[in-house]
Every structure is written in structure tokens, then in C-alpha cells.
Amino acid sequence: MKIRVKEVENQYVEFFCTVGAGIAKCSQQNLVNGMICDVEIDINVTLKLGTNAEKNLDNNLYIQNEENINLINGLVENIDDDDIICLRLANDCIIMIEYEECEIFEGDIL
């Protein structure tokens, strides 16, 4: 996904993208404010309905930051046999995330 760096502080980066804005821990050291770059977003939690995820009727796909927590609204594009779902946020952005076995189906918005 293409992002524009808003602010760099230590290893954290605030960014803008086509579907909103967020904050991320970044391994790249030479980022500067205003820089545009392609990134891969890794989410290091297991998705659990009712705990850290919910089905959503809002068809808007986005990422937004609220109090340093990224809220993501994505379309479930694919569910792999190895407990991985693919969330589509934009034409240039798919996020792969582990999930706990539950009632999630392709086409759901989470």
C-alpha cells in the first residue's frame, strides 16, 4: 500500500493513505516527514469476533487512528484453510491476519 509519512517519532510512524490514516511501528530507519513509500502492513494479533473484531454493516473500507489504536474496516476477500483471512482495504492493499475459528465469511465487512 502506498502511504505518505506524516510524522516519525522513534520507531513509530503516523501516515496517510487512500483509505485513511494510521500509526505503525516501522523497521525502516530513514523515513522523513512527507515521504511517499510502499509498505506492507503486518497485524500481530489473532482476530476474535466479539473481542477485537466485529461484523460491520458499514461498507466503507478504511483505516483510522483513534488514541493510538488503528481501527480497520475491511472486506473479507479470502479465507485460507490455515486460519488466515485476507482483508481488502483498497485496490493496492490486502491485509492478511490470523483469526480464531468463528462465523466469518467471504464478503463480510469486519
PDB file of N, CA and C in Angstrom:
ATOM      1  N   MET A   1       0.848  -1.159   0.000  1.00  0.00           N
ATOM      2  CA  MET A   1       0.000   0.000   0.000  1.00  0.00           C
ATOM      3  C   MET A   1       0.902   1.232   0.000  1.00  0.00           C
ATOM      4  N   LYS A   2       0.512   2.226  -0.731  1.00  0.00           N
ATOM      5  CA  LYS A   2       1.244   3.481  -0.766  1.00  0.00           C
ATOM      6  C   LYS A   2       0.778   4.371   0.379  1.00  0.00           C
ATOM      7  N   ILE A   3       1.758   4.916   1.122  1.00  0.00           N
ATOM      8  CA  ILE A   3       1.451   5.824   2.227  1.00  0.00           C
ATOM      9  C   ILE A   3       2.257   7.113   2.077  1.00  0.00           C
ATOM     10  N   ARG A   4       1.790   8.153   2.761  1.00  0.00           N
ATOM     11  CA  ARG A   4       2.569   9.389   2.918  1.00  0.00           C
ATOM     12  C   ARG A   4       2.861   9.521   4.407  1.00  0.00           C
ATOM     13  N   VAL A   5       4.138   9.625   4.732  1.00  0.00           N
ATOM     14  CA  VAL A   5       4.560   9.747   6.122  1.00  0.00           C
ATOM     15  C   VAL A   5       4.149  11.120   6.641  1.00  0.00           C
ATOM     16  N   LYS A   6       3.409  11.117   7.746  1.00  0.00           N
ATOM     17  CA  LYS A   6       3.010  12.373   8.381  1.00  0.00           C
ATOM     18  C   LYS A   6       4.059  12.802   9.408  1.00  0.00           C
ATOM     19  N   GLU A   7       4.423  11.862  10.293  1.00  0.00           N
ATOM     20  CA  GLU A   7       5.377  12.179  11.350  1.00  0.00           C
ATOM     21  C   GLU A   7       6.113  10.926  11.779  1.00  0.00           C
ATOM     22  N   VAL A   8       7.395  11.071  12.028  1.00  0.00           N
ATOM     23  CA  VAL A   8       8.227   9.967  12.502  1.00  0.00           C
ATOM     24  C   VAL A   8       8.673  10.292  13.918  1.00  0.00           C
ATOM     25  N   GLU A   9       8.441   9.346  14.838  1.00  0.00           N
ATOM     26  CA  GLU A   9       8.888   9.519  16.215  1.00  0.00           C
ATOM     27  C   GLU A   9       9.447   8.189  16.699  1.00  0.00           C
ATOM     28  N   ASN A  10      10.773   8.157  16.879  1.00  0.00           N
ATOM     29  CA  ASN A  10      11.483   6.929  17.234  1.00  0.00           C
ATOM     30  C   ASN A  10      11.179   5.867  16.184  1.00  0.00           C
ATOM     31  N   GLN A  11      10.585   4.753  16.567  1.00  0.00           N
ATOM     32  CA  GLN A  11      10.288   3.699  15.604  1.00  0.00           C
ATOM     33  C   GLN A  11       8.828   3.708  15.132  1.00  0.00           C
ATOM     34  N   TYR A  12       8.081   4.747  15.507  1.00  0.00           N
ATOM     35  CA  TYR A  12       6.672   4.837  15.130  1.00  0.00           C
ATOM     36  C   TYR A  12       6.460   5.886  14.047  1.00  0.00           C
ATOM     37  N   VAL A  13       5.535   5.577  13.144  1.00  0.00           N
ATOM     38  CA  VAL A  13       5.259   6.442  12.001  1.00  0.00           C
ATOM     39  C   VAL A  13       3.758   6.692  11.919  1.00  0.00           C
ATOM     40  N   GLU A  14       3.370   7.959  11.898  1.00  0.00           N
ATOM     41  CA  GLU A  14       1.990   8.309  11.567  1.00  0.00           C
ATOM     42  C   GLU A  14       1.936   8.465  10.060  1.00  0.00           C
ATOM     43  N   PHE A  15       0.856   7.967   9.437  1.00  0.00           N
ATOM     44  CA  PHE A  15       0.791   8.003   7.982  1.00  0.00           C
ATOM     45  C   PHE A  15      -0.617   8.271   7.483  1.00  0.00           C
ATOM     46  N   PHE A  16      -0.685   8.720   6.235  1.00  0.00           N
ATOM     47  CA  PHE A  16      -1.926   8.860   5.481  1.00  0.00           C
ATOM     48  C   PHE A  16      -1.875   7.877   4.325  1.00  0.00           C
ATOM     49  N   CYS A  17      -3.046   7.371   3.909  1.00  0.00           N
ATOM     50  CA  CYS A  17      -3.134   6.518   2.732  1.00  0.00           C
ATOM     51  C   CYS A  17      -4.494   6.754   2.075  1.00  0.00           C
ATOM     52  N   THR A  18      -4.779   6.050   1.001  1.00  0.00           N
ATOM     53  CA  THR A  18      -6.022   6.283   0.264  1.00  0.00           C
ATOM     54  C   THR A  18      -7.268   5.947   1.065  1.00  0.00           C
ATOM     55  N   VAL A  19      -7.124   5.128   2.114  1.00  0.00           N
ATOM     56  CA  VAL A  19      -8.293   4.739   2.902  1.00  0.00           C
ATOM     57  C   VAL A  19      -8.288   5.318   4.307  1.00  0.00           C
ATOM     58  N   GLY A  20      -7.419   6.297   4.565  1.00  0.00           N
ATOM     59  CA  GLY A  20      -7.431   6.932   5.877  1.00  0.00           C
ATOM     60  C   GLY A  20      -6.051   7.230   6.413  1.00  0.00           C
ATOM     61  N   ALA A  21      -5.896   7.029   7.722  1.00  0.00           N
ATOM     62  CA  ALA A  21      -4.638   7.340   8.396  1.00  0.00           C
ATOM     63  C   ALA A  21      -4.428   6.360   9.535  1.00  0.00           C
ATOM     64  N   GLY A  22      -3.176   6.149   9.901  1.00  0.00           N
ATOM     65  CA  GLY A  22      -2.887   5.236  10.993  1.00  0.00           C
ATOM     66  C   GLY A  22      -1.535   5.520  11.602  1.00  0.00           C
ATOM     67  N   ILE A  23      -1.153   4.663  12.522  1.00  0.00           N
ATOM     68  CA  ILE A  23       0.160   4.728  13.149  1.00  0.00           C
ATOM     69  C   ILE A  23       0.724   3.318  13.132  1.00  0.00           C
ATOM     70  N   ALA A  24       2.033   3.216  12.901  1.00  0.00           N
ATOM     71  CA  ALA A  24       2.635   1.891  12.787  1.00  0.00           C
ATOM     72  C   ALA A  24       4.052   1.900  13.335  1.00  0.00           C
ATOM     73  N   LYS A  25       4.465   0.747  13.801  1.00  0.00           N
ATOM     74  CA  LYS A  25       5.855   0.536  14.168  1.00  0.00           C
ATOM     75  C   LYS A  25       6.575   0.184  12.874  1.00  0.00           C
ATOM     76  N   CYS A  26       7.700   0.815  12.646  1.00  0.00           N
ATOM     77  CA  CYS A  26       8.368   0.663  11.364  1.00  0.00           C
ATOM     78  C   CYS A  26       9.806   0.216  11.563  1.00  0.00           C
ATOM     79  N   SER A  27      10.255  -0.708  10.720  1.00  0.00           N
ATOM     80  CA  SER A  27      11.633  -1.187  10.817  1.00  0.00           C
ATOM     81  C   SER A  27      12.589  -0.357   9.966  1.00  0.00           C
ATOM     82  N   GLN A  28      12.066   0.414   9.030  1.00  0.00           N
ATOM     83  CA  GLN A  28      12.927   1.242   8.182  1.00  0.00           C
ATOM     84  C   GLN A  28      13.404   2.459   8.978  1.00  0.00           C
ATOM     85  N   GLN A  29      14.672   2.780   8.871  1.00  0.00           N
ATOM     86  CA  GLN A  29      15.264   3.832   9.700  1.00  0.00           C
ATOM     87  C   GLN A  29      15.287   5.211   9.044  1.00  0.00           C
ATOM     88  N   ASN A  30      15.222   5.295   7.726  1.00  0.00           N
ATOM     89  CA  ASN A  30      15.460   6.564   7.049  1.00  0.00           C
ATOM     90  C   ASN A  30      14.187   7.242   6.534  1.00  0.00           C
ATOM     91  N   LEU A  31      13.089   7.146   7.262  1.00  0.00           N
ATOM     92  CA  LEU A  31      11.857   7.802   6.855  1.00  0.00           C
ATOM     93  C   LEU A  31      11.883   9.270   7.264  1.00  0.00           C
ATOM     94  N   VAL A  32      11.298  10.109   6.421  1.00  0.00           N
ATOM     95  CA  VAL A  32      11.200  11.529   6.733  1.00  0.00           C
ATOM     96  C   VAL A  32       9.769  11.993   6.492  1.00  0.00           C
ATOM     97  N   ASN A  33       9.373  13.040   7.185  1.00  0.00           N
ATOM     98  CA  ASN A  33       8.030  13.590   7.036  1.00  0.00           C
ATOM     99  C   ASN A  33       7.777  13.951   5.575  1.00  0.00           C
ATOM    100  N   GLY A  34       6.587  13.599   5.071  1.00  0.00           N
ATOM    101  CA  GLY A  34       6.199  13.898   3.698  1.00  0.00           C
ATOM    102  C   GLY A  34       6.604  12.842   2.692  1.00  0.00           C
ATOM    103  N   MET A  35       7.444  11.913   3.079  1.00  0.00           N
ATOM    104  CA  MET A  35       7.924  10.863   2.182  1.00  0.00           C
ATOM    105  C   MET A  35       6.766   9.964   1.753  1.00  0.00           C
ATOM    106  N   ILE A  36       6.754   9.544   0.498  1.00  0.00           N
ATOM    107  CA  ILE A  36       5.765   8.587  -0.011  1.00  0.00           C
ATOM    108  C   ILE A  36       6.489   7.267  -0.239  1.00  0.00           C
ATOM    109  N   CYS A  37       5.904   6.188   0.283  1.00  0.00           N
ATOM    110  CA  CYS A  37       6.547   4.884   0.108  1.00  0.00           C
ATOM    111  C   CYS A  37       5.498   3.778   0.084  1.00  0.00           C
ATOM    112  N   ASP A  38       5.899   2.626  -0.424  1.00  0.00           N
ATOM    113  CA  ASP A  38       5.056   1.428  -0.421  1.00  0.00           C
ATOM    114  C   ASP A  38       5.364   0.635   0.836  1.00  0.00           C
ATOM    115  N   VAL A  39       4.315   0.149   1.494  1.00  0.00           N
ATOM    116  CA  VAL A  39       4.509  -0.590   2.741  1.00  0.00           C
ATOM    117  C   VAL A  39       3.688  -1.872   2.736  1.00  0.00           C
ATOM    118  N   GLU A  40       4.097  -2.773   3.591  1.00  0.00           N
ATOM    119  CA  GLU A  40       3.320  -3.969   3.906  1.00  0.00           C
ATOM    120  C   GLU A  40       2.904  -3.819   5.356  1.00  0.00           C
ATOM    121  N   ILE A  41       1.635  -4.034   5.625  1.00  0.00           N
ATOM    122  CA  ILE A  41       1.131  -3.917   6.993  1.00  0.00           C
ATOM    123  C   ILE A  41       0.987  -5.308   7.586  1.00  0.00           C
ATOM    124  N   ASP A  42       1.648  -5.537   8.709  1.00  0.00           N
ATOM    125  CA  ASP A  42       1.536  -6.790   9.444  1.00  0.00           C
ATOM    126  C   ASP A  42       0.763  -6.513  10.722  1.00  0.00           C
ATOM    127  N   ILE A  43      -0.224  -7.348  10.998  1.00  0.00           N
ATOM    128  CA  ILE A  43      -1.009  -7.221  12.218  1.00  0.00           C
ATOM    129  C   ILE A  43      -0.702  -8.441  13.070  1.00  0.00           C
ATOM    130  N   ASN A  44      -0.154  -8.194  14.246  1.00  0.00           N
ATOM    131  CA  ASN A  44       0.347  -9.278  15.085  1.00  0.00           C
ATOM    132  C   ASN A  44      -0.613  -9.650  16.201  1.00  0.00           C
ATOM    133  N   VAL A  45      -1.886  -9.781  15.871  1.00  0.00           N
ATOM    134  CA  VAL A  45      -2.881 -10.281  16.816  1.00  0.00           C
ATOM    135  C   VAL A  45      -3.738 -11.308  16.099  1.00  0.00           C
ATOM    136  N   THR A  46      -4.435 -12.105  16.853  1.00  0.00           N
ATOM    137  CA  THR A  46      -5.395 -13.041  16.282  1.00  0.00           C
ATOM    138  C   THR A  46      -6.764 -12.389  16.348  1.00  0.00           C
ATOM    139  N   LEU A  47      -7.440 -12.328  15.224  1.00  0.00           N
ATOM    140  CA  LEU A  47      -8.764 -11.715  15.130  1.00  0.00           C
ATOM    141  C   LEU A  47      -9.780 -12.594  15.860  1.00  0.00           C
ATOM    142  N   LYS A  48     -10.542 -12.004  16.783  1.00  0.00           N
ATOM    143  CA  LYS A  48     -11.558 -12.741  17.535  1.00  0.00           C
ATOM    144  C   LYS A  48     -12.839 -11.925  17.534  1.00  0.00           C
ATOM    145  N   LEU A  49     -13.878 -12.457  16.911  1.00  0.00           N
ATOM    146  CA  LEU A  49     -15.165 -11.757  16.916  1.00  0.00           C
ATOM    147  C   LEU A  49     -15.641 -11.580  18.351  1.00  0.00           C
ATOM    148  N   GLY A  50     -16.130 -10.377  18.651  1.00  0.00           N
ATOM    149  CA  GLY A  50     -16.625 -10.078  19.982  1.00  0.00           C
ATOM    150  C   GLY A  50     -15.546  -9.617  20.949  1.00  0.00           C
ATOM    151  N   THR A  51     -14.282  -9.795  20.585  1.00  0.00           N
ATOM    152  CA  THR A  51     -13.179  -9.362  21.441  1.00  0.00           C
ATOM    153  C   THR A  51     -12.444  -8.177  20.822  1.00  0.00           C
ATOM    154  N   ASN A  52     -11.872  -8.399  19.643  1.00  0.00           N
ATOM    155  CA  ASN A  52     -11.138  -7.331  18.971  1.00  0.00           C
ATOM    156  C   ASN A  52     -11.618  -7.108  17.535  1.00  0.00           C
ATOM    157  N   ALA A  53     -12.764  -7.716  17.200  1.00  0.00           N
ATOM    158  CA  ALA A  53     -13.338  -7.561  15.862  1.00  0.00           C
ATOM    159  C   ALA A  53     -14.850  -7.721  15.934  1.00  0.00           C
ATOM    160  N   GLU A  54     -15.515  -7.096  14.985  1.00  0.00           N
ATOM    161  CA  GLU A  54     -16.963  -7.265  14.876  1.00  0.00           C
ATOM    162  C   GLU A  54     -17.366  -7.144  13.423  1.00  0.00           C
ATOM    163  N   LYS A  55     -18.467  -7.817  13.086  1.00  0.00           N
ATOM    164  CA  LYS A  55     -19.021  -7.649  11.746  1.00  0.00           C
ATOM    165  C   LYS A  55     -19.626  -6.261  11.667  1.00  0.00           C
ATOM    166  N   ASN A  56     -19.539  -5.665  10.496  1.00  0.00           N
ATOM    167  CA  ASN A  56     -19.932  -4.281  10.338  1.00  0.00           C
ATOM    168  C   ASN A  56     -20.829  -4.145   9.122  1.00  0.00           C
ATOM    169  N   LEU A  57     -21.873  -3.372   9.231  1.00  0.00           N
ATOM    170  CA  LEU A  57     -22.757  -3.120   8.094  1.00  0.00           C
ATOM    171  C   LEU A  57     -22.292  -1.922   7.277  1.00  0.00           C
ATOM    172  N   ASP A  58     -21.306  -1.194   7.794  1.00  0.00           N
ATOM    173  CA  ASP A  58     -20.746  -0.035   7.097  1.00  0.00           C
ATOM    174  C   ASP A  58     -19.856  -0.537   5.968  1.00  0.00           C
ATOM    175  N   ASN A  59     -20.215  -0.246   4.722  1.00  0.00           N
ATOM    176  CA  ASN A  59     -19.453  -0.729   3.575  1.00  0.00           C
ATOM    177  C   ASN A  59     -18.220   0.109   3.272  1.00  0.00           C
ATOM    178  N   ASN A  60     -17.988   1.186   4.049  1.00  0.00           N
ATOM    179  CA  ASN A  60     -16.794   1.996   3.830  1.00  0.00           C
ATOM    180  C   ASN A  60     -15.574   1.242   4.342  1.00  0.00           C
ATOM    181  N   LEU A  61     -14.568   1.104   3.490  1.00  0.00           N
ATOM    182  CA  LEU A  61     -13.332   0.440   3.872  1.00  0.00           C
ATOM    183  C   LEU A  61     -12.350   1.514   4.296  1.00  0.00           C
ATOM    184  N   TYR A  62     -11.742   1.349   5.477  1.00  0.00           N
ATOM    185  CA  TYR A  62     -10.866   2.400   5.980  1.00  0.00           C
ATOM    186  C   TYR A  62      -9.889   1.886   7.022  1.00  0.00           C
ATOM    187  N   ILE A  63      -8.899   2.719   7.291  1.00  0.00           N
ATOM    188  CA  ILE A  63      -8.042   2.590   8.461  1.00  0.00           C
ATOM    189  C   ILE A  63      -8.023   3.969   9.099  1.00  0.00           C
ATOM    190  N   GLN A  64      -8.249   4.014  10.412  1.00  0.00           N
ATOM    191  CA  GLN A  64      -8.207   5.298  11.109  1.00  0.00           C
ATOM    192  C   GLN A  64      -7.591   5.090  12.483  1.00  0.00           C
ATOM    193  N   ASN A  65      -6.957   6.124  12.963  1.00  0.00           N
ATOM    194  CA  ASN A  65      -6.281   6.055  14.244  1.00  0.00           C
ATOM    195  C   ASN A  65      -7.086   6.814  15.283  1.00  0.00           C
ATOM    196  N   GLU A  66      -7.432   6.125  16.370  1.00  0.00           N
ATOM    197  CA  GLU A  66      -8.116   6.756  17.496  1.00  0.00           C
ATOM    198  C   GLU A  66      -7.333   6.431  18.753  1.00  0.00           C
ATOM    199  N   GLU A  67      -6.749   7.460  19.348  1.00  0.00           N
ATOM    200  CA  GLU A  67      -5.969   7.311  20.576  1.00  0.00           C
ATOM    201  C   GLU A  67      -4.886   6.244  20.438  1.00  0.00           C
ATOM    202  N   ASN A  68      -4.151   6.320  19.321  1.00  0.00           N
ATOM    203  CA  ASN A  68      -3.045   5.410  19.007  1.00  0.00           C
ATOM    204  C   ASN A  68      -3.466   3.961  18.813  1.00  0.00           C
ATOM    205  N   ILE A  69      -4.725   3.747  18.479  1.00  0.00           N
ATOM    206  CA  ILE A  69      -5.223   2.416  18.114  1.00  0.00           C
ATOM    207  C   ILE A  69      -5.752   2.513  16.689  1.00  0.00           C
ATOM    208  N   ASN A  70      -5.277   1.621  15.824  1.00  0.00           N
ATOM    209  CA  ASN A  70      -5.757   1.604  14.449  1.00  0.00           C
ATOM    210  C   ASN A  70      -7.060   0.827  14.366  1.00  0.00           C
ATOM    211  N   LEU A  71      -8.087   1.477  13.856  1.00  0.00           N
ATOM    212  CA  LEU A  71      -9.362   0.823  13.581  1.00  0.00           C
ATOM    213  C   LEU A  71      -9.400   0.546  12.082  1.00  0.00           C
ATOM    214  N   ILE A  72      -9.703  -0.686  11.729  1.00  0.00           N
ATOM    215  CA  ILE A  72      -9.694  -1.092  10.333  1.00  0.00           C
ATOM    216  C   ILE A  72     -11.056  -1.654   9.980  1.00  0.00           C
ATOM    217  N   ASN A  73     -11.607  -1.194   8.875  1.00  0.00           N
ATOM    218  CA  ASN A  73     -12.852  -1.721   8.329  1.00  0.00           C
ATOM    219  C   ASN A  73     -12.496  -2.304   6.971  1.00  0.00           C
ATOM    220  N   GLY A  74     -12.491  -3.631   6.868  1.00  0.00           N
ATOM    221  CA  GLY A  74     -12.053  -4.278   5.643  1.00  0.00           C
ATOM    222  C   GLY A  74     -13.013  -5.351   5.172  1.00  0.00           C
ATOM    223  N   LEU A  75     -12.980  -5.614   3.882  1.00  0.00           N
ATOM    224  CA  LEU A  75     -13.794  -6.642   3.239  1.00  0.00           C
ATOM    225  C   LEU A  75     -13.059  -7.973   3.300  1.00  0.00           C
ATOM    226  N   VAL A  76     -13.716  -9.013   3.825  1.00  0.00           N
ATOM    227  CA  VAL A  76     -13.107 -10.342   3.846  1.00  0.00           C
ATOM    228  C   VAL A  76     -13.131 -10.860   2.406  1.00  0.00           C
ATOM    229  N   GLU A  77     -11.942 -10.875   1.804  1.00  0.00           N
ATOM    230  CA  GLU A  77     -11.828 -11.279   0.404  1.00  0.00           C
ATOM    231  C   GLU A  77     -11.553 -12.768   0.263  1.00  0.00           C
ATOM    232  N   ASN A  78     -10.845 -13.326   1.239  1.00  0.00           N
ATOM    233  CA  ASN A  78     -10.485 -14.732   1.145  1.00  0.00           C
ATOM    234  C   ASN A  78     -10.279 -15.285   2.551  1.00  0.00           C
ATOM    235  N   ILE A  79     -10.611 -16.554   2.728  1.00  0.00           N
ATOM    236  CA  ILE A  79     -10.358 -17.252   3.988  1.00  0.00           C
ATOM    237  C   ILE A  79      -9.544 -18.493   3.654  1.00  0.00           C
ATOM    238  N   ASP A  80      -8.314 -18.549   4.165  1.00  0.00           N
ATOM    239  CA  ASP A  80      -7.434 -19.685   3.896  1.00  0.00           C
ATOM    240  C   ASP A  80      -7.731 -20.818   4.867  1.00  0.00           C
ATOM    241  N   ASP A  81      -7.312 -22.025   4.488  1.00  0.00           N
ATOM    242  CA  ASP A  81      -7.505 -23.196   5.342  1.00  0.00           C
ATOM    243  C   ASP A  81      -6.656 -23.142   6.604  1.00  0.00           C
ATOM    244  N   ASP A  82      -5.609 -22.310   6.614  1.00  0.00           N
ATOM    245  CA  ASP A  82      -4.712 -22.259   7.766  1.00  0.00           C
ATOM    246  C   ASP A  82      -5.038 -21.088   8.706  1.00  0.00           C
ATOM    247  N   ASP A  83      -6.341 -20.781   8.844  1.00  0.00           N
ATOM    248  CA  ASP A  83      -6.837 -19.755   9.777  1.00  0.00           C
ATOM    249  C   ASP A  83      -6.272 -18.364   9.497  1.00  0.00           C
ATOM    250  N   ILE A  84      -6.146 -18.025   8.238  1.00  0.00           N
ATOM    251  CA  ILE A  84      -5.724 -16.698   7.801  1.00  0.00           C
ATOM    252  C   ILE A  84      -6.844 -16.121   6.936  1.00  0.00           C
ATOM    253  N   ILE A  85      -7.225 -14.865   7.223  1.00  0.00           N
ATOM    254  CA  ILE A  85      -8.171 -14.185   6.332  1.00  0.00           C
ATOM    255  C   ILE A  85      -7.449 -13.034   5.642  1.00  0.00           C
ATOM    256  N   CYS A  86      -7.927 -12.704   4.473  1.00  0.00           N
ATOM    257  CA  CYS A  86      -7.401 -11.582   3.715  1.00  0.00           C
ATOM    258  C   CYS A  86      -8.452 -10.488   3.735  1.00  0.00           C
ATOM    259  N   LEU A  87      -8.095  -9.339   4.308  1.00  0.00           N
ATOM    260  CA  LEU A  87      -8.981  -8.180   4.357  1.00  0.00           C
ATOM    261  C   LEU A  87      -8.569  -7.201   3.270  1.00  0.00           C
ATOM    262  N   ARG A  88      -9.486  -6.852   2.397  1.00  0.00           N
ATOM    263  CA  ARG A  88      -9.235  -5.873   1.339  1.00  0.00           C
ATOM    264  C   ARG A  88      -9.603  -4.501   1.876  1.00  0.00           C
ATOM    265  N   LEU A  89      -8.643  -3.562   1.824  1.00  0.00           N
ATOM    266  CA  LEU A  89      -8.905  -2.186   2.217  1.00  0.00           C
ATOM    267  C   LEU A  89      -8.969  -1.260   1.017  1.00  0.00           C
ATOM    268  N   ALA A  90      -8.202  -1.590  -0.026  1.00  0.00           N
ATOM    269  CA  ALA A  90      -8.144  -0.763  -1.227  1.00  0.00           C
ATOM    270  C   ALA A  90      -7.599  -1.626  -2.358  1.00  0.00           C
ATOM    271  N   ASN A  91      -7.620  -1.087  -3.576  1.00  0.00           N
ATOM    272  CA  ASN A  91      -7.075  -1.843  -4.709  1.00  0.00           C
ATOM    273  C   ASN A  91      -5.636  -2.254  -4.468  1.00  0.00           C
ATOM    274  N   ASP A  92      -4.876  -1.413  -3.771  1.00  0.00           N
ATOM    275  CA  ASP A  92      -3.464  -1.707  -3.532  1.00  0.00           C
ATOM    276  C   ASP A  92      -3.181  -2.207  -2.117  1.00  0.00           C
ATOM    277  N   CYS A  93      -4.218  -2.668  -1.404  1.00  0.00           N
ATOM    278  CA  CYS A  93      -3.983  -3.068  -0.013  1.00  0.00           C
ATOM    279  C   CYS A  93      -4.837  -4.260   0.408  1.00  0.00           C
ATOM    280  N   ILE A  94      -4.145  -5.359   0.699  1.00  0.00           N
ATOM    281  CA  ILE A  94      -4.753  -6.529   1.334  1.00  0.00           C
ATOM    282  C   ILE A  94      -3.953  -6.793   2.604  1.00  0.00           C
ATOM    283  N   ILE A  95      -4.654  -7.002   3.701  1.00  0.00           N
ATOM    284  CA  ILE A  95      -4.003  -7.331   4.966  1.00  0.00           C
ATOM    285  C   ILE A  95      -4.341  -8.776   5.311  1.00  0.00           C
ATOM    286  N   MET A  96      -3.304  -9.563   5.563  1.00  0.00           N
ATOM    287  CA  MET A  96      -3.500 -10.950   5.984  1.00  0.00           C
ATOM    288  C   MET A  96      -3.408 -10.986   7.505  1.00  0.00           C
ATOM    289  N   ILE A  97      -4.375 -11.666   8.119  1.00  0.00           N
ATOM    290  CA  ILE A  97      -4.401 -11.710   9.580  1.00  0.00           C
ATOM    291  C   ILE A  97      -4.947 -13.067  10.048  1.00  0.00           C
ATOM    292  N   GLU A  98      -4.353 -13.582  11.114  1.00  0.00           N
ATOM    293  CA  GLU A  98      -4.847 -14.826  11.704  1.00  0.00           C
ATOM    294  C   GLU A  98      -6.190 -14.568  12.364  1.00  0.00           C
ATOM    295  N   TYR A  99      -7.046 -15.576  12.362  1.00  0.00           N
ATOM    296  CA  TYR A  99      -8.328 -15.428  13.045  1.00  0.00           C
ATOM    297  C   TYR A  99      -8.662 -16.700  13.802  1.00  0.00           C
ATOM    298  N   GLU A 100      -9.431 -16.518  14.849  1.00  0.00           N
ATOM    299  CA  GLU A 100      -9.934 -17.642  15.623  1.00  0.00           C
ATOM    300  C   GLU A 100     -11.167 -18.165  14.915  1.00  0.00           C
ATOM    301  N   GLU A 101     -11.248 -19.470  14.759  1.00  0.00           N
ATOM    302  CA  GLU A 101     -12.367 -20.104  14.046  1.00  0.00           C
ATOM    303  C   GLU A 101     -13.698 -19.550  14.549  1.00  0.00           C
ATOM    304  N   CYS A 102     -14.476 -18.987  13.640  1.00  0.00           N
ATOM    305  CA  CYS A 102     -15.762 -18.408  14.010  1.00  0.00           C
ATOM    306  C   CYS A 102     -16.578 -18.173  12.738  1.00  0.00           C
ATOM    307  N   GLU A 103     -17.692 -17.534  12.881  1.00  0.00           N
ATOM    308  CA  GLU A 103     -18.616 -17.295  11.769  1.00  0.00           C
ATOM    309  C   GLU A 103     -18.181 -16.086  10.937  1.00  0.00           C
ATOM    310  N   ILE A 104     -17.076 -16.204  10.234  1.00  0.00           N
ATOM    311  CA  ILE A 104     -16.620 -15.192   9.300  1.00  0.00           C
ATOM    312  C   ILE A 104     -16.711 -15.790   7.905  1.00  0.00           C
ATOM    313  N   PHE A 105     -17.272 -15.020   6.973  1.00  0.00           N
ATOM    314  CA  PHE A 105     -17.451 -15.498   5.604  1.00  0.00           C
ATOM    315  C   PHE A 105     -16.885 -14.500   4.606  1.00  0.00           C
ATOM    316  N   GLU A 106     -16.497 -14.991   3.444  1.00  0.00           N
ATOM    317  CA  GLU A 106     -16.091 -14.102   2.367  1.00  0.00           C
ATOM    318  C   GLU A 106     -17.224 -13.139   2.070  1.00  0.00           C
ATOM    319  N   GLY A 107     -16.886 -11.872   1.914  1.00  0.00           N
ATOM    320  CA  GLY A 107     -17.877 -10.843   1.670  1.00  0.00           C
ATOM    321  C   GLY A 107     -18.283 -10.070   2.911  1.00  0.00           C
ATOM    322  N   ASP A 108     -17.940 -10.610   4.098  1.00  0.00           N
ATOM    323  CA  ASP A 108     -18.229  -9.881   5.341  1.00  0.00           C
ATOM    324  C   ASP A 108     -17.345  -8.637   5.423  1.00  0.00           C
ATOM    325  N   ILE A 109     -17.838  -7.633   6.101  1.00  0.00           N
ATOM    326  CA  ILE A 109     -17.051  -6.453   6.435  1.00  0.00           C
ATOM    327  C   ILE A 109     -16.734  -6.542   7.928  1.00  0.00           C
ATOM    328  N   LEU A 110     -15.462  -6.479   8.263  1.00  0.00           N
ATOM    329  CA  LEU A 110     -15.033  -6.550   9.676  1.00  0.00           C
ATOM    330  C   LEU A 110     -14.350  -5.246  10.036  1.00  0.00           C
TER     331      LEU A 110
END
